[in-house]
Each structure stands twice: as structure tokens, then as C-alpha cells.
Amino acid sequence: MKTTVFSFICALTLLVSCQSEPIEEYEVIPQPVSMTYKSGRVKLNSAPDVSFPASLAGEAVLLEAALVHDYAMNPKLIQDGKKGQIELILDTTVLKEQPEGYLLDSESGRVQIKAPKPAGIMNGIQTLRQIIQKENNDFYIQKGKILDYPAFQWRAFMLDEGRYFKGKEVVYMLLDQMSFMKMNVFHWH
């Protein structure tokens, strides 16, 4: 009887230990075209290296500011150098007919954002901001791939400030929120 109970406990322990990590689905607004997941997570340093070509310097600075503001990270920007933990890559073979499209790939243990144009890189950065998870003082991203491009060319917000004056700070905040949601036209009265 004791050996049967012991065997059962050993088998149960083995089954529990063989389970793969649970997959934490991304919560991204707006919903991407395609999301696939892989078991495991990518751990980001509190000071991740961000590599980028010279043509994406503005986008890299934006990513740096977002990581500092949103997560209190201290990213290091590396231009045209070694590969970083986060890589911004212009690749004309990725979604070549979708200039605002991007591929965010975190399956290899690093995060790569590939796009044919800087607008796609910008959209990929906004998605990256949404999928970083913080646990204690560590930062993680579920391994997977996100392929996304806008369903509509014109994604707009209208502000009628002629009748309802909001002020400079509110307008800046609205522009930041529009960018976060990948909107591309600000209609201002």
C-alpha cells in the first residue's frame, strides 16, 4: 500500500514538473492581425541595449523615453553596432505593401521589431510598450510573434478646441494617447 501511494505521488510530481510554462496572451489595442505564442518568456534587463540603424534614431529615442517613463528602465542606445536585447530593423521584405505594418518577434530570446518604413517601427514600439510585464523588479515578454498592419489608412481623432478649449497639456496628452493606439491623423478645429 505504501509503495502504491509513493508511486502515485512520484508520478504526480513528475507530471506537474513536466508541464510547460503557461502562455500569457498579449493584450494589445488595437487587436493585431496575427499573434502566435511560444512557450517561455524573454527577460529584459533593467538597462536593455537597444540597437538601431541611423535612419531610426528618432524612433530609438522615443523607445528610450517610453521605457524610462513607463517602466523606469535605463535603456542604452547602440547605433549600427552590436545586436541589442531590443532591435529596431528596417526590412523592406517584411510587409512591403503595408508601410505602417510591422513584425514584432520575441521567440529567439531577444525582441526584434522589423518594418519596411519608420512608421511601422513606431507602431511596433507602441505594441512593445503594451506587452511588457513587470514582476517584482523584473521585466518579461511572452515569447511569440505579432504581425500587424492597420486595417484602415485613415485612423483619426477630432478635437474641436474652438468651442471647448482644452489647453496645451491636454493636446499633448491626446497626441501621446493617439500614438499609443496607433492613430495617424489629428483633426483639429
C-alpha atoms as a PDB file:
ATOM      1  CA  MET A   1       0.000   0.000   0.000  1.00  0.00           C
ATOM      2  CA  LYS A   2       2.816   2.396   0.924  1.00  0.00           C
ATOM      3  CA  THR A   3       4.650   1.726  -2.343  1.00  0.00           C
ATOM      4  CA  THR A   4       1.472   2.413  -4.332  1.00  0.00           C
ATOM      5  CA  VAL A   5       0.940   5.768  -2.610  1.00  0.00           C
ATOM      6  CA  PHE A   6       4.628   6.602  -3.028  1.00  0.00           C
ATOM      7  CA  SER A   7       4.479   5.653  -6.733  1.00  0.00           C
ATOM      8  CA  PHE A   8       1.353   7.764  -7.200  1.00  0.00           C
ATOM      9  CA  ILE A   9       2.977  10.803  -5.532  1.00  0.00           C
ATOM     10  CA  CYS A  10       6.130  10.369  -7.656  1.00  0.00           C
ATOM     11  CA  ALA A  11       4.085  10.105 -10.865  1.00  0.00           C
ATOM     12  CA  LEU A  12       2.018  13.166  -9.911  1.00  0.00           C
ATOM     13  CA  THR A  13       5.169  15.154  -9.111  1.00  0.00           C
ATOM     14  CA  LEU A  14       6.680  14.141 -12.450  1.00  0.00           C
ATOM     15  CA  LEU A  15       3.542  15.197 -14.320  1.00  0.00           C
ATOM     16  CA  VAL A  16       3.429  18.576 -12.599  1.00  0.00           C
ATOM     17  CA  SER A  17       7.124  19.236 -13.208  1.00  0.00           C
ATOM     18  CA  CYS A  18       6.838  18.346 -16.911  1.00  0.00           C
ATOM     19  CA  GLN A  19       4.201  20.973 -17.613  1.00  0.00           C
ATOM     20  CA  SER A  20       5.410  23.860 -19.717  1.00  0.00           C
ATOM     21  CA  GLU A  21       5.098  27.440 -18.556  1.00  0.00           C
ATOM     22  CA  PRO A  22       1.635  28.874 -19.067  1.00  0.00           C
ATOM     23  CA  ILE A  23       1.295  31.167 -22.054  1.00  0.00           C
ATOM     24  CA  GLU A  24       0.233  34.688 -21.170  1.00  0.00           C
ATOM     25  CA  GLU A  25      -1.656  36.104 -24.120  1.00  0.00           C
ATOM     26  CA  TYR A  26      -0.838  39.614 -25.249  1.00  0.00           C
ATOM     27  CA  GLU A  27      -3.326  42.375 -24.551  1.00  0.00           C
ATOM     28  CA  VAL A  28      -2.827  44.843 -27.395  1.00  0.00           C
ATOM     29  CA  ILE A  29      -5.026  47.734 -28.518  1.00  0.00           C
ATOM     30  CA  PRO A  30      -5.964  47.716 -31.364  1.00  0.00           C
ATOM     31  CA  GLN A  31      -6.065  43.962 -31.906  1.00  0.00           C
ATOM     32  CA  PRO A  32      -3.171  42.885 -34.179  1.00  0.00           C
ATOM     33  CA  VAL A  33      -3.729  40.987 -37.416  1.00  0.00           C
ATOM     34  CA  SER A  34      -1.876  37.896 -36.169  1.00  0.00           C
ATOM     35  CA  MET A  35      -0.433  36.747 -32.840  1.00  0.00           C
ATOM     36  CA  THR A  36       1.338  33.447 -32.214  1.00  0.00           C
ATOM     37  CA  TYR A  37       2.833  32.290 -28.944  1.00  0.00           C
ATOM     38  CA  LYS A  38       5.726  30.094 -27.930  1.00  0.00           C
ATOM     39  CA  SER A  39       6.316  28.615 -24.508  1.00  0.00           C
ATOM     40  CA  GLY A  40       8.587  30.695 -22.294  1.00  0.00           C
ATOM     41  CA  ARG A  41       9.314  34.331 -21.691  1.00  0.00           C
ATOM     42  CA  VAL A  42      12.032  36.803 -22.613  1.00  0.00           C
ATOM     43  CA  LYS A  43      13.535  38.528 -19.595  1.00  0.00           C
ATOM     44  CA  LEU A  44      14.526  42.131 -20.225  1.00  0.00           C
ATOM     45  CA  ASN A  45      17.299  43.743 -18.231  1.00  0.00           C
ATOM     46  CA  SER A  46      16.537  46.903 -16.305  1.00  0.00           C
ATOM     47  CA  ALA A  47      19.031  48.525 -18.693  1.00  0.00           C
ATOM     48  CA  PRO A  48      18.385  46.800 -22.051  1.00  0.00           C
ATOM     49  CA  ASP A  49      20.567  47.549 -25.076  1.00  0.00           C
ATOM     50  CA  VAL A  50      18.518  48.956 -27.968  1.00  0.00           C
ATOM     51  CA  SER A  51      20.226  48.607 -31.356  1.00  0.00           C
ATOM     52  CA  PHE A  52      19.080  50.577 -34.387  1.00  0.00           C
ATOM     53  CA  PRO A  53      20.309  51.957 -37.718  1.00  0.00           C
ATOM     54  CA  ALA A  54      20.995  55.687 -38.079  1.00  0.00           C
ATOM     55  CA  SER A  55      17.757  56.166 -40.024  1.00  0.00           C
ATOM     56  CA  LEU A  56      15.763  55.121 -36.937  1.00  0.00           C
ATOM     57  CA  ALA A  57      17.441  57.435 -34.414  1.00  0.00           C
ATOM     58  CA  GLY A  58      14.199  59.314 -33.685  1.00  0.00           C
ATOM     59  CA  GLU A  59      12.257  56.093 -33.086  1.00  0.00           C
ATOM     60  CA  ALA A  60      15.038  54.764 -30.826  1.00  0.00           C
ATOM     61  CA  VAL A  61      14.933  57.928 -28.720  1.00  0.00           C
ATOM     62  CA  LEU A  62      11.147  57.566 -28.465  1.00  0.00           C
ATOM     63  CA  LEU A  63      11.536  53.948 -27.312  1.00  0.00           C
ATOM     64  CA  GLU A  64      14.149  55.008 -24.775  1.00  0.00           C
ATOM     65  CA  ALA A  65      11.838  57.712 -23.372  1.00  0.00           C
ATOM     66  CA  ALA A  66       8.891  55.288 -23.227  1.00  0.00           C
ATOM     67  CA  LEU A  67      10.889  52.625 -21.346  1.00  0.00           C
ATOM     68  CA  VAL A  68      12.151  55.220 -18.874  1.00  0.00           C
ATOM     69  CA  HIS A  69       8.689  56.753 -18.359  1.00  0.00           C
ATOM     70  CA  ASP A  70       6.555  53.577 -18.371  1.00  0.00           C
ATOM     71  CA  TYR A  71       8.876  51.112 -16.618  1.00  0.00           C
ATOM     72  CA  ALA A  72      11.711  53.136 -15.001  1.00  0.00           C
ATOM     73  CA  MET A  73      14.224  51.220 -17.144  1.00  0.00           C
ATOM     74  CA  ASN A  74      17.557  52.717 -18.189  1.00  0.00           C
ATOM     75  CA  PRO A  75      17.979  51.576 -21.803  1.00  0.00           C
ATOM     76  CA  LYS A  76      21.259  52.049 -23.667  1.00  0.00           C
ATOM     77  CA  LEU A  77      21.044  53.071 -27.322  1.00  0.00           C
ATOM     78  CA  ILE A  78      23.509  51.364 -29.688  1.00  0.00           C
ATOM     79  CA  GLN A  79      23.584  52.755 -33.208  1.00  0.00           C
ATOM     80  CA  ASP A  80      24.833  50.477 -36.022  1.00  0.00           C
ATOM     81  CA  GLY A  81      26.753  48.381 -33.520  1.00  0.00           C
ATOM     82  CA  LYS A  82      26.334  45.037 -31.857  1.00  0.00           C
ATOM     83  CA  LYS A  83      22.954  43.416 -31.540  1.00  0.00           C
ATOM     84  CA  GLY A  84      20.922  44.605 -28.590  1.00  0.00           C
ATOM     85  CA  GLN A  85      18.340  42.950 -26.420  1.00  0.00           C
ATOM     86  CA  ILE A  86      15.811  45.051 -28.360  1.00  0.00           C
ATOM     87  CA  GLU A  87      16.490  45.571 -32.078  1.00  0.00           C
ATOM     88  CA  LEU A  88      14.828  48.044 -34.432  1.00  0.00           C
ATOM     89  CA  ILE A  89      15.286  46.828 -38.021  1.00  0.00           C
ATOM     90  CA  LEU A  90      14.185  48.346 -41.322  1.00  0.00           C
ATOM     91  CA  ASP A  91      13.440  45.401 -43.605  1.00  0.00           C
ATOM     92  CA  THR A  92      11.741  46.031 -46.943  1.00  0.00           C
ATOM     93  CA  THR A  93      10.837  42.334 -47.296  1.00  0.00           C
ATOM     94  CA  VAL A  94       8.521  42.458 -44.256  1.00  0.00           C
ATOM     95  CA  LEU A  95       5.014  43.605 -45.207  1.00  0.00           C
ATOM     96  CA  LYS A  96       6.314  45.570 -48.181  1.00  0.00           C
ATOM     97  CA  GLU A  97       2.803  46.631 -49.192  1.00  0.00           C
ATOM     98  CA  GLN A  98       1.973  47.888 -45.690  1.00  0.00           C
ATOM     99  CA  PRO A  99       4.188  50.905 -44.836  1.00  0.00           C
ATOM    100  CA  GLU A 100       2.752  51.126 -41.307  1.00  0.00           C
ATOM    101  CA  GLY A 101       2.960  47.369 -40.721  1.00  0.00           C
ATOM    102  CA  TYR A 102       5.494  45.596 -38.510  1.00  0.00           C
ATOM    103  CA  LEU A 103       6.632  42.232 -37.199  1.00  0.00           C
ATOM    104  CA  LEU A 104       7.475  42.005 -33.503  1.00  0.00           C
ATOM    105  CA  ASP A 105       9.389  38.780 -32.826  1.00  0.00           C
ATOM    106  CA  SER A 106      10.402  37.696 -29.344  1.00  0.00           C
ATOM    107  CA  GLU A 107      10.848  33.966 -29.996  1.00  0.00           C
ATOM    108  CA  SER A 108      14.658  33.992 -30.100  1.00  0.00           C
ATOM    109  CA  GLY A 109      15.202  35.397 -26.612  1.00  0.00           C
ATOM    110  CA  ARG A 110      15.553  38.986 -27.826  1.00  0.00           C
ATOM    111  CA  VAL A 111      12.959  41.416 -29.153  1.00  0.00           C
ATOM    112  CA  GLN A 112      13.101  42.387 -32.822  1.00  0.00           C
ATOM    113  CA  ILE A 113      10.818  44.953 -34.392  1.00  0.00           C
ATOM    114  CA  LYS A 114      11.005  44.764 -38.189  1.00  0.00           C
ATOM    115  CA  ALA A 115       9.160  47.032 -40.586  1.00  0.00           C
ATOM    116  CA  PRO A 116       9.535  48.369 -44.133  1.00  0.00           C
ATOM    117  CA  LYS A 117       9.234  52.033 -43.021  1.00  0.00           C
ATOM    118  CA  PRO A 118       9.835  54.061 -39.837  1.00  0.00           C
ATOM    119  CA  ALA A 119       6.042  54.379 -39.357  1.00  0.00           C
ATOM    120  CA  GLY A 120       5.878  50.595 -38.901  1.00  0.00           C
ATOM    121  CA  ILE A 121       8.724  50.686 -36.387  1.00  0.00           C
ATOM    122  CA  MET A 122       6.788  53.350 -34.475  1.00  0.00           C
ATOM    123  CA  ASN A 123       3.697  51.120 -34.366  1.00  0.00           C
ATOM    124  CA  GLY A 124       5.827  48.177 -33.231  1.00  0.00           C
ATOM    125  CA  ILE A 125       7.277  50.285 -30.394  1.00  0.00           C
ATOM    126  CA  GLN A 126       3.761  51.133 -29.227  1.00  0.00           C
ATOM    127  CA  THR A 127       2.877  47.430 -29.185  1.00  0.00           C
ATOM    128  CA  LEU A 128       6.073  46.598 -27.280  1.00  0.00           C
ATOM    129  CA  ARG A 129       5.076  49.139 -24.633  1.00  0.00           C
ATOM    130  CA  GLN A 130       1.791  47.267 -24.166  1.00  0.00           C
ATOM    131  CA  ILE A 131       3.167  43.732 -23.824  1.00  0.00           C
ATOM    132  CA  ILE A 132       5.989  44.253 -21.317  1.00  0.00           C
ATOM    133  CA  GLN A 133       5.058  42.716 -17.985  1.00  0.00           C
ATOM    134  CA  LYS A 134       6.644  43.660 -14.675  1.00  0.00           C
ATOM    135  CA  GLU A 135       7.000  41.140 -11.875  1.00  0.00           C
ATOM    136  CA  ASN A 136       8.773  42.336  -8.763  1.00  0.00           C
ATOM    137  CA  ASN A 137      11.692  44.252 -10.290  1.00  0.00           C
ATOM    138  CA  ASP A 138      11.999  42.101 -13.407  1.00  0.00           C
ATOM    139  CA  PHE A 139      10.555  42.722 -16.874  1.00  0.00           C
ATOM    140  CA  TYR A 140       9.228  39.977 -19.150  1.00  0.00           C
ATOM    141  CA  ILE A 141       7.660  39.468 -22.544  1.00  0.00           C
ATOM    142  CA  GLN A 142       5.835  36.289 -23.531  1.00  0.00           C
ATOM    143  CA  LYS A 143       7.712  34.632 -26.385  1.00  0.00           C
ATOM    144  CA  GLY A 144       5.842  34.929 -29.640  1.00  0.00           C
ATOM    145  CA  LYS A 145       5.300  36.876 -32.846  1.00  0.00           C
ATOM    146  CA  ILE A 146       2.978  39.729 -33.648  1.00  0.00           C
ATOM    147  CA  LEU A 147       2.299  40.605 -37.266  1.00  0.00           C
ATOM    148  CA  ASP A 148       0.277  43.762 -37.632  1.00  0.00           C
ATOM    149  CA  TYR A 149      -0.724  46.468 -40.052  1.00  0.00           C
ATOM    150  CA  PRO A 150      -3.592  48.985 -39.989  1.00  0.00           C
ATOM    151  CA  ALA A 151      -6.959  47.862 -41.302  1.00  0.00           C
ATOM    152  CA  PHE A 152      -7.697  51.442 -42.367  1.00  0.00           C
ATOM    153  CA  GLN A 153      -5.352  54.041 -43.820  1.00  0.00           C
ATOM    154  CA  TRP A 154      -7.090  56.932 -42.028  1.00  0.00           C
ATOM    155  CA  ARG A 155      -7.272  56.422 -38.237  1.00  0.00           C
ATOM    156  CA  ALA A 156      -8.222  59.764 -36.757  1.00  0.00           C
ATOM    157  CA  PHE A 157      -9.245  61.726 -33.720  1.00  0.00           C
ATOM    158  CA  MET A 158     -11.012  65.095 -33.924  1.00  0.00           C
ATOM    159  CA  LEU A 159     -10.693  67.824 -31.318  1.00  0.00           C
ATOM    160  CA  ASP A 160     -12.934  70.895 -31.594  1.00  0.00           C
ATOM    161  CA  GLU A 161     -10.965  73.239 -29.403  1.00  0.00           C
ATOM    162  CA  GLY A 162     -12.571  76.325 -30.934  1.00  0.00           C
ATOM    163  CA  ARG A 163     -15.691  75.674 -28.846  1.00  0.00           C
ATOM    164  CA  TYR A 164     -14.191  73.717 -25.953  1.00  0.00           C
ATOM    165  CA  PHE A 165     -10.684  74.959 -25.184  1.00  0.00           C
ATOM    166  CA  LYS A 166      -8.538  72.261 -23.576  1.00  0.00           C
ATOM    167  CA  GLY A 167      -5.069  73.791 -23.421  1.00  0.00           C
ATOM    168  CA  LYS A 168      -1.596  72.765 -24.494  1.00  0.00           C
ATOM    169  CA  GLU A 169      -1.049  69.996 -21.904  1.00  0.00           C
ATOM    170  CA  VAL A 170      -4.310  68.242 -22.809  1.00  0.00           C
ATOM    171  CA  VAL A 171      -3.494  68.407 -26.525  1.00  0.00           C
ATOM    172  CA  TYR A 172      -0.038  66.887 -25.897  1.00  0.00           C
ATOM    173  CA  MET A 173      -1.610  64.149 -23.779  1.00  0.00           C
ATOM    174  CA  LEU A 174      -4.152  63.415 -26.533  1.00  0.00           C
ATOM    175  CA  LEU A 175      -1.384  63.183 -29.139  1.00  0.00           C
ATOM    176  CA  ASP A 176       0.530  60.736 -26.924  1.00  0.00           C
ATOM    177  CA  GLN A 177      -2.595  58.610 -26.451  1.00  0.00           C
ATOM    178  CA  MET A 178      -3.296  58.671 -30.195  1.00  0.00           C
ATOM    179  CA  SER A 179       0.226  57.445 -30.880  1.00  0.00           C
ATOM    180  CA  PHE A 180      -0.163  54.715 -28.250  1.00  0.00           C
ATOM    181  CA  MET A 181      -3.287  53.469 -30.061  1.00  0.00           C
ATOM    182  CA  LYS A 182      -1.599  53.779 -33.492  1.00  0.00           C
ATOM    183  CA  MET A 183      -3.880  56.544 -34.758  1.00  0.00           C
ATOM    184  CA  ASN A 184      -2.319  58.615 -37.534  1.00  0.00           C
ATOM    185  CA  VAL A 185      -4.443  61.731 -38.176  1.00  0.00           C
ATOM    186  CA  PHE A 186      -5.257  64.536 -35.742  1.00  0.00           C
ATOM    187  CA  HIS A 187      -8.176  66.645 -36.965  1.00  0.00           C
ATOM    188  CA  TRP A 188      -8.005  69.915 -35.008  1.00  0.00           C
ATOM    189  CA  HIS A 189     -10.559  72.739 -35.095  1.00  0.00           C
END
